[in-house]
Amino acid sequence: MDTITGFQIGIDAINIVSLSSVTGMDDLDVTHSGINTLISALDKDLAILAEIQASTIQSSSGSLVFA
């Protein structure tokens, strides 16, 4: 699992195309953990976004890219 620091909503993006069964936000678990956000899918932790609130991660913002 990677920890991503300096992530900027609306500027940076996370590419999730390598997980073919993850096709949208409904396939992800995005949870707030302390001051960070944990992104998980298929019972696997994918990334931690340092100092980002989970509520700010939305597919419409372009933060996550799906297949």
C-alpha atoms as a PDB file:
ATOM      1  CA  MET A   1       0.000   0.000   0.000  1.00  0.00           C
ATOM      2  CA  ASP A   2       1.267   3.441  -0.910  1.00  0.00           C
ATOM      3  CA  THR A   3       1.039   6.591   1.181  1.00  0.00           C
ATOM      4  CA  ILE A   4       0.527   9.606  -1.052  1.00  0.00           C
ATOM      5  CA  THR A   5       1.573  12.975   0.323  1.00  0.00           C
ATOM      6  CA  GLY A   6       0.888  16.348  -1.231  1.00  0.00           C
ATOM      7  CA  PHE A   7      -2.197  15.094  -3.108  1.00  0.00           C
ATOM      8  CA  GLN A   8      -4.230  18.018  -4.467  1.00  0.00           C
ATOM      9  CA  ILE A   9      -7.945  17.607  -5.210  1.00  0.00           C
ATOM     10  CA  GLY A  10      -8.749  18.736  -8.759  1.00  0.00           C
ATOM     11  CA  ILE A  11      -5.098  18.643  -9.821  1.00  0.00           C
ATOM     12  CA  ASP A  12      -3.812  15.146  -9.029  1.00  0.00           C
ATOM     13  CA  ALA A  13      -5.458  11.844  -9.951  1.00  0.00           C
ATOM     14  CA  ILE A  14      -5.167   8.209  -8.892  1.00  0.00           C
ATOM     15  CA  ASN A  15      -5.363   5.696 -11.724  1.00  0.00           C
ATOM     16  CA  ILE A  16      -7.357   2.580 -10.756  1.00  0.00           C
ATOM     17  CA  VAL A  17      -7.599   0.977 -14.205  1.00  0.00           C
ATOM     18  CA  SER A  18      -5.474  -2.024 -13.203  1.00  0.00           C
ATOM     19  CA  LEU A  19      -8.369  -3.359 -11.113  1.00  0.00           C
ATOM     20  CA  SER A  20     -10.789  -4.469 -13.819  1.00  0.00           C
ATOM     21  CA  SER A  21     -13.636  -5.214 -11.396  1.00  0.00           C
ATOM     22  CA  VAL A  22     -13.429  -1.688  -9.939  1.00  0.00           C
ATOM     23  CA  THR A  23     -15.371   0.498 -12.339  1.00  0.00           C
ATOM     24  CA  GLY A  24     -16.582   3.356 -10.151  1.00  0.00           C
ATOM     25  CA  MET A  25     -16.830   4.910  -6.727  1.00  0.00           C
ATOM     26  CA  ASP A  26     -19.392   2.307  -5.622  1.00  0.00           C
ATOM     27  CA  ASP A  27     -16.660  -0.352  -5.871  1.00  0.00           C
ATOM     28  CA  LEU A  28     -14.334   1.508  -3.491  1.00  0.00           C
ATOM     29  CA  ASP A  29     -14.263   1.961   0.241  1.00  0.00           C
ATOM     30  CA  VAL A  30     -13.087   5.497   0.985  1.00  0.00           C
ATOM     31  CA  THR A  31     -12.774   6.069   4.719  1.00  0.00           C
ATOM     32  CA  HIS A  32     -11.355   8.737   6.957  1.00  0.00           C
ATOM     33  CA  SER A  33      -8.577   7.485   9.239  1.00  0.00           C
ATOM     34  CA  GLY A  34      -7.280  10.129  11.594  1.00  0.00           C
ATOM     35  CA  ILE A  35      -6.173  13.020   9.379  1.00  0.00           C
ATOM     36  CA  ASN A  36      -5.797  10.751   6.347  1.00  0.00           C
ATOM     37  CA  THR A  37      -8.022   8.940   3.844  1.00  0.00           C
ATOM     38  CA  LEU A  38      -7.774   5.202   3.212  1.00  0.00           C
ATOM     39  CA  ILE A  39      -8.845   3.895  -0.210  1.00  0.00           C
ATOM     40  CA  SER A  40      -9.627   0.178  -0.378  1.00  0.00           C
ATOM     41  CA  ALA A  41     -11.221  -2.225  -2.858  1.00  0.00           C
ATOM     42  CA  LEU A  42     -11.812  -5.954  -2.998  1.00  0.00           C
ATOM     43  CA  ASP A  43     -10.774  -6.311   0.678  1.00  0.00           C
ATOM     44  CA  LYS A  44      -7.367  -4.791  -0.109  1.00  0.00           C
ATOM     45  CA  ASP A  45      -5.982  -1.455   1.046  1.00  0.00           C
ATOM     46  CA  LEU A  46      -4.828   0.462  -2.041  1.00  0.00           C
ATOM     47  CA  ALA A  47      -3.578   3.835  -0.822  1.00  0.00           C
ATOM     48  CA  ILE A  48      -3.480   6.336   1.992  1.00  0.00           C
ATOM     49  CA  LEU A  49      -3.922   9.983   1.081  1.00  0.00           C
ATOM     50  CA  ALA A  50      -2.088  11.981   3.730  1.00  0.00           C
ATOM     51  CA  GLU A  51      -4.009  14.897   5.209  1.00  0.00           C
ATOM     52  CA  ILE A  52      -7.003  14.520   2.849  1.00  0.00           C
ATOM     53  CA  GLN A  53     -10.598  14.215   4.087  1.00  0.00           C
ATOM     54  CA  ALA A  54     -12.496  11.246   2.670  1.00  0.00           C
ATOM     55  CA  SER A  55     -15.498  13.420   1.820  1.00  0.00           C
ATOM     56  CA  THR A  56     -13.435  15.378  -0.721  1.00  0.00           C
ATOM     57  CA  ILE A  57     -12.676  12.316  -2.871  1.00  0.00           C
ATOM     58  CA  GLN A  58     -15.338  12.177  -5.566  1.00  0.00           C
ATOM     59  CA  SER A  59     -15.163  10.722  -9.056  1.00  0.00           C
ATOM     60  CA  SER A  60     -16.655  13.911 -10.462  1.00  0.00           C
ATOM     61  CA  SER A  61     -13.643  15.888  -9.282  1.00  0.00           C
ATOM     62  CA  GLY A  62     -11.354  13.805 -11.472  1.00  0.00           C
ATOM     63  CA  SER A  63      -9.417  12.578  -8.429  1.00  0.00           C
ATOM     64  CA  LEU A  64      -9.919   8.935  -9.364  1.00  0.00           C
ATOM     65  CA  VAL A  65      -9.637   7.462 -12.862  1.00  0.00           C
ATOM     66  CA  PHE A  66     -11.447   4.203 -13.695  1.00  0.00           C
ATOM     67  CA  ALA A  67     -11.249   1.785 -16.615  1.00  0.00           C
END
